Amino acid sequence: MHPILNVVVVSFHHKRGCEVEYSHPKLTGSNEEGLPDEWHLLPSLALPDGVHNCQKDTIFFLLPSREEPGKSIFGISCYRQIDAKELINKSEDVTRASVQKAVCVLSRIPLFGPLKAKLEVITQAYFEQKDFSKVDVLAQMYTNLCDIFDENLTGEYFSSLAHHEISIQDLFIRFRHRALLLFKLFLLERKVLFIAPTGLRLGETMLAIISMFPKLLEEGLYFATIGVNTSDRNPKRPAPLDPENSTEIVIEEDVGVQISRTDPLKSKDSCGFPLSLFTQGSSFDPYLSIQSMDLIPKTQSCVLGATNALFAMKKDLFDVIVKIEDDGALVHNHIEFIDPALERVVSLTTADLRFADFVLKKVEEQMKASNSEFDGSDEWIRLQMKNYLLGLVATSRSDLQAAIPHFGVPFVNEWRRTKNHKIWVTNKHEDLTSVAPGHMFSEQMGVYDVYLRLEHAVNGVEGASKVIGTVNTAGKNLGNSIGETGSRVKAKFTNWWNRKATAPDGIEQAEEPNSD
């Protein structure tokens, strides 16, 4: 089957709200303009919440499939607003000062990045006509997309295409070491909300995290949308965490076998990828509108994005809220753990910080040099994350008491409770047997590790006063305990903070430790 399903125009009517205005090929559902019941949320997903407050946006979303119940399809919406006075041909429905519309493309496969650039150009051309009755440009776009993306998209070419324009580099620059923390958090199958002022910022952030998991973006989201992962009875929340209790958990193999039999992701490679992160009650939606809020309690776990601040007020629905604030000059990111125990479970170990710092420095070096070297590129980061994940599962399976603490004993124990871990370790994957357990950055702790820990702590707080207090206290204690070395670390830390505060566009470079 051809991957491109439909091109759809959604408009905002001052009385009827969001509604489908045009579709090509014509939708064949039973509702207005042929909207099918399975896609009843499409109008609210295509136009951002608070539609009057933004001039343009791009939104990535998922919908239930009409052809294959239980599966998902993928959508991208390009929204624009125009002054009604500029229109050459006004319809009777235009009664207000501005007109809001979105052009959407629905596809059977995830093509978020490749479709984004093409859709933004066509949407701009559609609006520049200043006559929305002229839809030939949209029909022509559908034909062109069908020619470009045919049914033969498979293998490495499709994988490369699916990751196009999804920047993991930008994720590391903005979240720094905490990008690894978010990666680990996704493995624990908790309820995580990302909230940002725009749908584009949400989509870019969430898809970048997804793309760090091998094959998850291109093959692992076909059963992910909340529309196919809800239960009539509210699922039980996970038992309260006790990070102090590091008792080893024994995996019940028969339970893993049973879950594996019902796992809809049957096609996996020789390492067991993609992981079954978003199936069987666990959902992923890079954008949800306020109309979908009542579905959240009906999921076992979810990772979702929203622009409506009302989501963040419902803290009882989530375990973690990731706030992305964009003031025009800087992007501020804050991770709020509703349960402090979960924060301790997912916290980065010293080895984790070394690994994240290694990746971050390579990214910064490549971006500073503006070259096309492999080291530091998105593809290189994905390779590093794959090796990290393989080392993690090999360590979890081996039960080596010396290796598990490098990933965090509470984290490994909590991960062992999840569906994705049980399915992964229960099935036989030939290439996993050759993976050696252990963390790539497990070494003796040094002074630079203290510096890394301080930097990580500062990036996790919101108030500058907390930063100053940390610098002063840490510097004083280090100076008292390890003399001149502590003073040098304090000086390094202070220099780093000053550099962070004055760096353009919120980007600061990680500092190499001096040889002395």
Protein backbone atom coordinates (compact mmCIF):
# COMPACT_ATOMS: atom_id res chain seq x y z
CA MET A 1 0.00 0.00 0.00
CA HIS A 2 1.08 3.53 -0.72
CA PRO A 3 2.34 5.37 2.39
CA ILE A 4 0.52 8.70 1.74
CA LEU A 5 -3.15 8.58 2.78
CA ASN A 6 -4.72 12.05 2.51
CA VAL A 7 -4.16 15.77 2.37
CA VAL A 8 -6.65 17.52 4.67
CA VAL A 9 -7.45 21.18 5.37
CA VAL A 10 -8.78 21.98 8.86
CA SER A 11 -10.21 25.40 9.64
CA PHE A 12 -11.45 27.19 12.74
CA HIS A 13 -15.06 28.34 12.68
CA HIS A 14 -16.10 30.88 15.31
CA LYS A 15 -19.29 28.94 16.12
CA ARG A 16 -18.57 25.32 15.21
CA GLY A 17 -14.92 25.22 16.30
CA CYS A 18 -12.29 23.12 14.49
CA GLU A 19 -13.64 21.30 11.43
CA VAL A 20 -12.47 19.57 8.25
CA GLU A 21 -12.94 21.84 5.24
CA TYR A 22 -11.30 19.87 2.43
CA SER A 23 -9.68 16.49 1.83
CA HIS A 24 -7.93 14.79 -1.06
CA PRO A 25 -8.63 12.01 -1.73
CA LYS A 26 -12.09 12.66 -0.31
CA LEU A 27 -12.64 11.23 3.17
CA THR A 28 -15.37 8.60 3.30
CA GLY A 29 -16.49 8.65 6.93
CA SER A 30 -19.98 9.28 8.27
CA ASN A 31 -19.36 12.71 9.81
CA GLU A 32 -19.12 16.23 8.34
CA GLU A 33 -16.88 16.38 5.25
CA GLY A 34 -16.47 12.60 5.43
CA LEU A 35 -14.52 12.61 8.70
CA PRO A 36 -14.41 9.00 9.97
CA ASP A 37 -15.18 8.14 13.59
CA GLU A 38 -11.64 6.81 14.14
CA TRP A 39 -10.25 10.25 13.29
CA HIS A 40 -12.71 12.37 15.27
CA LEU A 41 -9.76 14.02 17.07
CA LEU A 42 -8.11 15.13 13.81
CA PRO A 43 -9.55 18.70 13.78
CA SER A 44 -8.41 19.40 17.36
CA LEU A 45 -4.94 17.95 16.69
CA ALA A 46 -4.40 19.91 13.47
CA LEU A 47 -5.01 23.32 15.05
CA PRO A 48 -3.04 24.22 18.19
CA ASP A 49 -4.79 24.94 21.48
CA GLY A 50 -5.25 28.68 21.81
CA VAL A 51 -5.31 28.95 18.04
CA HIS A 52 -5.77 32.75 18.08
CA ASN A 53 -2.55 33.28 20.01
CA CYS A 54 -0.06 32.03 17.42
CA GLN A 55 0.59 33.00 13.82
CA LYS A 56 2.06 29.70 12.69
CA ASP A 57 3.04 26.29 14.00
CA THR A 58 3.87 22.76 12.89
CA ILE A 59 2.40 19.82 14.77
CA PHE A 60 3.28 16.12 14.68
CA PHE A 61 0.55 13.72 15.82
CA LEU A 62 -0.73 10.13 15.68
CA LEU A 63 -4.21 8.75 14.98
CA PRO A 64 -5.78 5.28 15.06
CA SER A 65 -5.65 3.45 11.74
CA ARG A 66 -8.95 2.88 9.90
CA GLU A 67 -7.59 -0.04 7.86
CA GLU A 68 -5.85 -1.96 10.64
CA PRO A 69 -7.59 -1.65 14.03
CA GLY A 70 -5.15 -1.39 16.90
CA LYS A 71 -2.48 0.30 14.78
CA SER A 72 -1.54 3.96 14.32
CA ILE A 73 -1.11 6.30 11.40
CA PHE A 74 1.03 9.43 11.39
CA GLY A 75 0.08 13.04 10.76
CA ILE A 76 1.78 16.38 10.34
CA SER A 77 -0.08 19.69 10.37
CA CYS A 78 1.17 23.07 9.15
CA TYR A 79 -0.90 25.87 10.70
CA ARG A 80 -1.07 29.49 9.56
CA GLN A 81 -3.14 32.58 10.41
CA ILE A 82 -3.93 35.38 7.97
CA ASP A 83 -5.68 38.75 8.25
CA ALA A 84 -9.16 38.51 6.72
CA LYS A 85 -8.64 41.86 4.99
CA GLU A 86 -5.94 40.30 2.80
CA LEU A 87 -8.26 37.68 1.30
CA ILE A 88 -9.26 38.17 -2.34
CA ASN A 89 -12.21 35.78 -2.14
CA LYS A 90 -14.01 35.65 1.23
CA SER A 91 -16.51 32.94 2.03
CA GLU A 92 -19.64 33.69 4.05
CA ASP A 93 -18.07 32.01 7.08
CA VAL A 94 -15.35 34.67 7.33
CA THR A 95 -16.85 37.04 9.91
CA ARG A 96 -13.81 37.82 12.06
CA ALA A 97 -10.59 39.77 11.65
CA SER A 98 -8.39 36.73 11.03
CA VAL A 99 -8.65 33.29 9.46
CA GLN A 100 -6.96 30.19 10.91
CA LYS A 101 -6.33 27.06 8.85
CA ALA A 102 -4.02 24.07 8.85
CA VAL A 103 -2.91 21.82 5.99
CA CYS A 104 -2.30 18.22 7.08
CA VAL A 105 -0.73 15.17 5.52
CA LEU A 106 -1.66 11.73 6.85
CA SER A 107 0.60 8.75 6.15
CA ARG A 108 0.84 5.08 6.99
CA ILE A 109 4.51 5.38 7.95
CA PRO A 110 6.41 7.95 10.08
CA LEU A 111 7.80 10.60 7.71
CA PHE A 112 7.71 13.58 10.06
CA GLY A 113 11.00 15.20 9.04
CA PRO A 114 10.78 14.70 5.24
CA LEU A 115 7.15 15.87 5.11
CA LYS A 116 7.73 18.94 7.28
CA ALA A 117 9.85 20.91 4.82
CA LYS A 118 7.60 20.08 1.85
CA LEU A 119 4.37 20.81 3.71
CA GLU A 120 5.58 24.18 5.01
CA VAL A 121 6.40 25.32 1.45
CA ILE A 122 3.04 24.23 0.04
CA THR A 123 1.10 25.72 2.96
CA GLN A 124 2.85 29.05 2.40
CA ALA A 125 1.95 28.92 -1.30
CA TYR A 126 -1.67 28.01 -0.46
CA PHE A 127 -1.99 31.04 1.83
CA GLU A 128 -0.23 33.40 -0.58
CA GLN A 129 -3.00 32.79 -3.11
CA LYS A 130 -5.32 34.60 -0.64
CA ASP A 131 -8.17 32.51 -2.02
CA PHE A 132 -8.78 29.26 -0.15
CA SER A 133 -11.17 27.97 -2.81
CA LYS A 134 -8.13 27.34 -5.03
CA VAL A 135 -7.10 23.88 -3.87
CA ASP A 136 -5.25 22.69 -6.99
CA VAL A 137 -1.94 23.25 -5.24
CA LEU A 138 -3.01 20.81 -2.51
CA ALA A 139 -4.13 18.12 -4.93
CA GLN A 140 -0.85 18.54 -6.81
CA MET A 141 1.06 18.18 -3.54
CA TYR A 142 -0.65 14.85 -2.89
CA THR A 143 0.36 13.60 -6.34
CA ASN A 144 3.95 14.77 -5.85
CA LEU A 145 4.20 13.16 -2.41
CA CYS A 146 2.93 9.87 -3.84
CA ASP A 147 5.64 10.04 -6.50
CA ILE A 148 8.39 10.83 -3.98
CA PHE A 149 7.39 8.38 -1.24
CA ASP A 150 6.38 5.13 -2.91
CA GLU A 151 5.51 1.76 -1.41
CA ASN A 152 9.11 0.55 -1.73
CA LEU A 153 10.41 2.58 1.23
CA THR A 154 12.30 -0.07 3.23
CA GLY A 155 15.62 -0.88 4.86
CA GLU A 156 18.38 1.61 5.51
CA TYR A 157 16.99 4.16 3.08
CA PHE A 158 13.69 4.36 4.98
CA SER A 159 15.56 4.50 8.30
CA SER A 160 17.64 7.43 7.08
CA LEU A 161 14.53 9.12 5.70
CA ALA A 162 12.58 8.70 8.94
CA HIS A 163 15.36 10.43 10.93
CA HIS A 164 15.74 13.31 8.45
CA GLU A 165 15.66 16.75 10.12
CA ILE A 166 15.25 15.29 13.61
CA SER A 167 18.22 16.71 15.51
CA ILE A 168 19.62 14.83 18.49
CA GLN A 169 22.47 17.36 18.52
CA ASP A 170 20.02 20.11 19.38
CA LEU A 171 18.54 17.92 22.13
CA PHE A 172 21.96 17.53 23.78
CA ILE A 173 22.77 21.22 23.42
CA ARG A 174 19.51 22.21 25.11
CA PHE A 175 19.26 19.49 27.78
CA ARG A 176 22.98 18.72 28.08
CA HIS A 177 23.60 15.72 30.37
CA ARG A 178 19.89 15.48 31.14
CA ALA A 179 19.28 14.19 27.59
CA LEU A 180 20.57 10.84 28.93
CA LEU A 181 18.27 11.15 31.94
CA LEU A 182 15.27 11.50 29.61
CA PHE A 183 16.48 8.48 27.64
CA LYS A 184 16.55 6.39 30.83
CA LEU A 185 13.19 7.77 31.92
CA PHE A 186 11.50 6.52 28.74
CA LEU A 187 12.64 2.98 29.58
CA LEU A 188 10.70 3.00 32.86
CA GLU A 189 7.24 3.27 31.23
CA ARG A 190 5.94 6.10 33.39
CA LYS A 191 3.48 8.92 32.62
CA VAL A 192 5.51 11.81 31.23
CA LEU A 193 4.17 15.15 29.99
CA PHE A 194 6.17 17.48 27.73
CA ILE A 195 4.74 20.98 27.65
CA ALA A 196 5.98 23.77 25.35
CA PRO A 197 4.67 26.99 23.79
CA THR A 198 4.59 25.46 20.28
CA GLY A 199 3.79 22.09 18.77
CA LEU A 200 6.96 22.25 16.67
CA ARG A 201 9.19 22.54 19.74
CA LEU A 202 7.34 19.61 21.31
CA GLY A 203 7.68 17.42 18.26
CA GLU A 204 11.35 18.17 17.69
CA THR A 205 12.20 17.39 21.32
CA MET A 206 10.15 14.23 21.75
CA LEU A 207 11.05 12.70 18.39
CA ALA A 208 14.74 13.39 19.03
CA ILE A 209 14.54 11.30 22.21
CA ILE A 210 12.65 8.55 20.37
CA SER A 211 15.25 8.53 17.60
CA MET A 212 18.00 7.65 20.11
CA PHE A 213 16.41 4.22 20.56
CA PRO A 214 17.43 1.87 17.72
CA LYS A 215 14.67 1.43 15.12
CA LEU A 216 12.01 2.84 17.46
CA LEU A 217 11.10 5.84 15.30
CA GLU A 218 10.80 3.97 12.02
CA GLU A 219 9.41 0.64 13.29
CA GLY A 220 8.27 0.95 16.91
CA LEU A 221 5.43 3.52 16.86
CA TYR A 222 2.83 1.59 14.88
CA PHE A 223 0.85 0.73 18.03
CA ALA A 224 1.66 3.86 20.00
CA THR A 225 -1.17 6.39 19.89
CA ILE A 226 -3.30 6.86 22.98
CA GLY A 227 -6.36 6.11 20.84
CA VAL A 228 -5.44 2.39 20.75
CA ASN A 229 -3.85 2.11 24.20
CA THR A 230 -6.71 2.86 26.58
CA SER A 231 -8.74 0.63 28.87
CA ASP A 232 -12.31 1.09 30.09
CA ARG A 233 -11.04 0.51 33.59
CA ASN A 234 -8.33 2.83 34.81
CA PRO A 235 -5.09 0.81 35.01
CA LYS A 236 -3.34 0.55 38.36
CA ARG A 237 -0.53 3.01 38.95
CA PRO A 238 2.91 1.48 39.64
CA ALA A 239 3.71 0.65 43.24
CA PRO A 240 5.47 3.43 45.22
CA LEU A 241 9.20 3.49 44.56
CA ASP A 242 11.77 2.81 47.23
CA PRO A 243 15.15 3.76 45.74
CA GLU A 244 16.90 2.85 48.99
CA ASN A 245 15.82 -0.75 48.55
CA SER A 246 18.28 -2.27 46.10
CA THR A 247 17.12 -5.85 46.56
CA GLU A 248 17.71 -7.77 43.38
CA ILE A 249 14.53 -8.54 41.47
CA VAL A 250 14.12 -11.98 39.97
CA ILE A 251 12.44 -11.95 36.58
CA GLU A 252 9.61 -14.46 36.30
CA GLU A 253 10.33 -15.94 32.90
CA ASP A 254 6.81 -17.30 32.37
CA VAL A 255 5.40 -13.79 32.85
CA GLY A 256 7.82 -12.46 30.23
CA VAL A 257 6.83 -15.26 27.83
CA GLN A 258 3.15 -14.47 28.26
CA ILE A 259 3.65 -10.74 27.60
CA SER A 260 5.88 -11.52 24.64
CA ARG A 261 3.20 -13.68 23.01
CA THR A 262 0.76 -10.77 22.98
CA ASP A 263 3.37 -8.22 21.89
CA PRO A 264 2.22 -6.72 18.55
CA LEU A 265 5.80 -5.78 17.57
CA LYS A 266 6.77 -9.17 16.18
CA SER A 267 9.48 -8.07 13.76
CA LYS A 268 12.73 -7.37 15.61
CA ASP A 269 16.38 -7.52 14.60
CA SER A 270 19.07 -9.82 15.96
CA CYS A 271 19.56 -7.55 18.99
CA GLY A 272 15.86 -7.30 19.82
CA PHE A 273 15.20 -3.82 18.38
CA PRO A 274 12.89 -1.98 18.32
CA LEU A 275 12.02 -2.25 21.99
CA SER A 276 8.34 -2.73 22.84
CA LEU A 277 8.11 0.61 24.63
CA PHE A 278 4.81 1.84 23.22
CA THR A 279 2.42 -1.08 22.97
CA GLN A 280 -0.18 -2.81 25.14
CA GLY A 281 -1.36 0.17 27.14
CA SER A 282 1.76 2.35 26.79
CA SER A 283 1.25 5.30 24.44
CA PHE A 284 3.34 7.95 22.70
CA ASP A 285 1.77 11.09 21.24
CA PRO A 286 3.97 14.09 20.33
CA TYR A 287 0.88 16.28 20.56
CA LEU A 288 -2.50 15.99 22.30
CA SER A 289 -5.26 18.59 22.49
CA ILE A 290 -7.28 19.35 25.60
CA GLN A 291 -10.12 17.16 24.24
CA SER A 292 -7.95 14.09 24.87
CA MET A 293 -7.17 14.74 28.53
CA ASP A 294 -9.80 12.27 29.76
CA LEU A 295 -7.92 9.43 27.99
CA ILE A 296 -4.77 9.79 30.10
CA PRO A 297 -6.04 7.96 33.22
CA LYS A 298 -7.06 5.07 30.97
CA THR A 299 -3.47 4.32 29.93
CA GLN A 300 -0.92 2.22 31.78
CA SER A 301 1.84 4.65 30.83
CA CYS A 302 2.24 7.46 28.34
CA VAL A 303 4.64 10.00 26.90
CA LEU A 304 2.71 12.92 25.47
CA GLY A 305 3.14 16.53 24.41
CA ALA A 306 0.81 19.49 24.92
CA THR A 307 0.80 23.25 24.50
CA ASN A 308 -2.18 23.89 26.80
CA ALA A 309 -1.10 24.88 30.32
CA LEU A 310 -4.11 23.03 31.77
CA PHE A 311 -2.25 19.76 31.23
CA ALA A 312 0.55 20.87 33.56
CA MET A 313 -1.98 21.76 36.25
CA LYS A 314 -3.20 18.14 36.37
CA LYS A 315 -0.15 16.90 38.22
CA ASP A 316 -2.02 13.93 39.64
CA LEU A 317 -2.12 12.46 36.11
CA PHE A 318 1.65 12.42 35.60
CA ASP A 319 4.88 11.19 37.16
CA VAL A 320 7.13 13.71 35.38
CA ILE A 321 6.50 17.06 33.67
CA VAL A 322 9.13 18.39 31.25
CA LYS A 323 8.67 22.13 30.74
CA ILE A 324 10.17 23.80 27.68
CA GLU A 325 9.97 27.59 27.84
CA ASP A 326 11.02 29.76 24.92
CA ASP A 327 11.33 33.49 25.61
CA GLY A 328 12.51 34.29 22.09
CA ALA A 329 16.21 34.49 22.94
CA LEU A 330 16.80 31.44 25.13
CA VAL A 331 15.12 28.08 25.56
CA HIS A 332 14.78 27.01 29.19
CA ASN A 333 14.19 23.35 30.01
CA HIS A 334 13.08 22.07 33.38
CA ILE A 335 12.29 18.50 34.45
CA GLU A 336 9.83 18.30 37.35
CA PHE A 337 9.46 14.97 39.11
CA ILE A 338 6.09 14.71 40.83
CA ASP A 339 7.46 11.75 42.81
CA PRO A 340 10.89 12.59 44.30
CA ALA A 341 11.63 8.87 44.61
CA LEU A 342 11.46 8.49 40.83
CA GLU A 343 14.00 11.29 40.44
CA ARG A 344 16.45 9.35 42.62
CA VAL A 345 15.80 6.14 40.69
CA VAL A 346 16.46 7.69 37.27
CA SER A 347 19.32 9.96 38.38
CA LEU A 348 22.57 9.71 36.44
CA THR A 349 25.46 7.79 37.94
CA THR A 350 29.04 9.00 37.72
CA ALA A 351 29.61 6.69 34.75
CA ASP A 352 26.45 8.03 33.12
CA LEU A 353 27.67 11.60 33.52
CA ARG A 354 31.01 10.71 31.94
CA PHE A 355 29.23 9.13 29.00
CA ALA A 356 26.82 12.06 28.55
CA ASP A 357 29.72 14.52 28.79
CA PHE A 358 31.66 12.55 26.18
CA VAL A 359 28.72 12.76 23.76
CA LEU A 360 28.06 16.42 24.56
CA LYS A 361 31.67 17.46 23.90
CA LYS A 362 31.75 15.66 20.56
CA VAL A 363 28.53 17.42 19.57
CA GLU A 364 29.86 20.83 20.62
CA GLU A 365 33.15 20.25 18.80
CA GLN A 366 31.39 19.34 15.57
CA MET A 367 28.96 22.25 15.75
CA LYS A 368 31.75 24.70 16.56
CA ALA A 369 33.86 23.47 13.64
CA SER A 370 30.80 23.42 11.32
CA ASN A 371 32.12 20.33 9.57
CA SER A 372 30.51 17.11 8.42
CA GLU A 373 32.65 14.68 10.42
CA PHE A 374 30.92 11.53 11.65
CA ASP A 375 31.94 12.03 15.31
CA GLY A 376 29.35 14.22 16.99
CA SER A 377 26.75 13.80 14.23
CA ASP A 378 23.20 12.56 14.84
CA GLU A 379 24.07 9.17 13.37
CA TRP A 380 27.13 8.95 15.63
CA ILE A 381 25.00 9.79 18.69
CA ARG A 382 22.51 7.06 17.78
CA LEU A 383 25.38 4.57 17.59
CA GLN A 384 26.63 5.60 21.05
CA MET A 385 23.13 5.27 22.52
CA LYS A 386 22.76 1.82 20.96
CA ASN A 387 26.02 0.70 22.57
CA TYR A 388 24.90 2.17 25.91
CA LEU A 389 21.57 0.33 25.69
CA LEU A 390 23.24 -2.97 24.76
CA GLY A 391 25.64 -2.65 27.70
CA LEU A 392 22.70 -1.89 29.97
CA VAL A 393 20.66 -4.95 28.99
CA ALA A 394 23.72 -7.21 29.07
CA THR A 395 24.45 -5.97 32.60
CA SER A 396 20.85 -6.48 33.69
CA ARG A 397 20.84 -10.03 32.35
CA SER A 398 24.21 -10.92 33.84
CA ASP A 399 23.46 -9.86 37.44
CA LEU A 400 27.09 -8.82 37.86
CA GLN A 401 27.05 -6.99 41.17
CA ALA A 402 30.15 -4.99 40.22
CA ALA A 403 28.62 -3.72 36.96
CA ILE A 404 25.01 -2.88 37.89
CA PRO A 405 25.86 0.11 40.15
CA HIS A 406 27.42 1.93 37.18
CA PHE A 407 23.92 2.18 35.67
CA GLY A 408 22.24 2.64 39.04
CA VAL A 409 20.98 -0.31 41.10
CA PRO A 410 17.54 1.24 41.76
CA PHE A 411 17.19 2.10 38.08
CA VAL A 412 18.05 -1.41 36.87
CA ASN A 413 15.68 -2.93 39.42
CA GLU A 414 12.85 -0.65 38.35
CA TRP A 415 13.54 -1.27 34.67
CA ARG A 416 13.29 -5.02 35.27
CA ARG A 417 9.66 -4.51 36.28
CA THR A 418 8.68 -3.04 32.92
CA LYS A 419 7.01 -4.70 29.98
CA ASN A 420 9.73 -3.74 27.50
CA HIS A 421 12.49 -5.30 29.63
CA LYS A 422 10.58 -8.56 30.19
CA ILE A 423 9.91 -8.94 26.48
CA TRP A 424 13.51 -8.12 25.56
CA VAL A 425 15.20 -10.57 27.93
CA THR A 426 12.65 -13.37 27.44
CA ASN A 427 13.13 -13.67 23.69
CA LYS A 428 16.30 -15.06 22.15
CA HIS A 429 18.38 -12.60 20.15
CA GLU A 430 21.55 -14.06 18.71
CA ASP A 431 23.66 -10.91 18.72
CA LEU A 432 22.90 -10.15 22.37
CA THR A 433 24.90 -13.15 23.52
CA SER A 434 28.15 -11.55 22.35
CA VAL A 435 27.57 -8.23 24.17
CA ALA A 436 29.79 -7.88 27.23
CA PRO A 437 28.09 -6.58 30.39
CA GLY A 438 29.35 -3.34 31.89
CA HIS A 439 29.26 0.42 31.42
CA MET A 440 31.49 1.97 28.74
CA PHE A 441 32.64 4.66 31.19
CA SER A 442 33.14 2.73 34.41
CA GLU A 443 36.40 4.02 35.95
CA GLN A 444 37.79 5.19 39.25
CA MET A 445 36.18 8.44 40.38
CA GLY A 446 38.32 11.55 39.92
CA VAL A 447 38.15 15.26 40.64
CA TYR A 448 36.66 16.02 37.22
CA ASP A 449 33.70 13.80 38.15
CA VAL A 450 32.92 16.25 40.95
CA TYR A 451 32.92 19.07 38.40
CA LEU A 452 30.56 17.09 36.16
CA ARG A 453 28.23 16.40 39.08
CA LEU A 454 28.10 20.10 39.92
CA GLU A 455 27.41 21.10 36.32
CA HIS A 456 24.63 18.53 36.08
CA ALA A 457 23.10 19.79 39.33
CA VAL A 458 23.13 23.40 38.15
CA ASN A 459 21.42 22.54 34.88
CA GLY A 460 18.64 20.90 36.87
CA VAL A 461 17.67 23.91 39.00
CA GLU A 462 15.64 26.95 38.04
CA GLY A 463 16.80 29.66 40.44
CA ALA A 464 20.10 31.47 40.03
CA SER A 465 20.32 31.83 43.81
CA LYS A 466 20.52 28.06 44.11
CA VAL A 467 23.36 28.09 41.62
CA ILE A 468 25.34 30.67 43.56
CA GLY A 469 24.78 28.77 46.79
CA THR A 470 25.97 25.56 45.18
CA VAL A 471 29.10 27.23 43.83
CA ASN A 472 30.00 28.82 47.14
CA THR A 473 29.25 25.79 49.31
CA ALA A 474 30.89 23.30 46.97
CA GLY A 475 33.95 25.46 46.47
CA LYS A 476 34.37 25.99 50.21
CA ASN A 477 34.00 22.30 51.02
CA LEU A 478 36.28 21.24 48.20
CA GLY A 479 38.87 23.80 49.24
CA ASN A 480 38.80 22.58 52.84
CA SER A 481 38.95 18.92 51.95
CA ILE A 482 41.33 18.67 49.02
CA GLY A 483 43.18 21.97 49.19
CA GLU A 484 44.51 23.50 45.99
CA THR A 485 42.69 20.99 43.77
CA GLY A 486 39.37 22.04 45.27
CA SER A 487 40.15 25.67 44.55
CA ARG A 488 40.90 24.86 40.93
CA VAL A 489 37.62 22.96 40.60
CA LYS A 490 35.75 25.89 42.14
CA ALA A 491 37.47 28.27 39.71
CA LYS A 492 36.60 26.00 36.80
CA PHE A 493 33.02 25.83 37.93
CA THR A 494 32.75 29.60 38.35
CA ASN A 495 34.28 30.18 34.91
CA TRP A 496 31.87 27.67 33.41
CA TRP A 497 28.89 29.40 35.01
CA ASN A 498 29.99 32.82 33.77
CA ARG A 499 30.47 31.38 30.29
CA LYS A 500 27.02 29.76 30.47
CA ALA A 501 25.38 33.04 31.45
CA THR A 502 26.90 34.99 28.55
CA ALA A 503 26.86 32.38 25.79
CA PRO A 504 24.87 33.34 22.65
CA ASP A 505 21.59 31.55 22.01
CA GLY A 506 21.86 29.64 25.25
CA ILE A 507 24.70 27.44 23.98
CA GLU A 508 27.76 26.96 26.10
CA GLN A 509 30.79 24.79 25.45
CA ALA A 510 31.86 22.04 27.81
CA GLU A 511 35.33 22.72 29.21
CA GLU A 512 38.12 20.19 29.01
CA PRO A 513 39.94 19.51 32.28
CA ASN A 514 43.48 20.91 32.46
CA SER A 515 46.27 18.42 32.55
CA ASP A 516 47.50 19.90 35.80
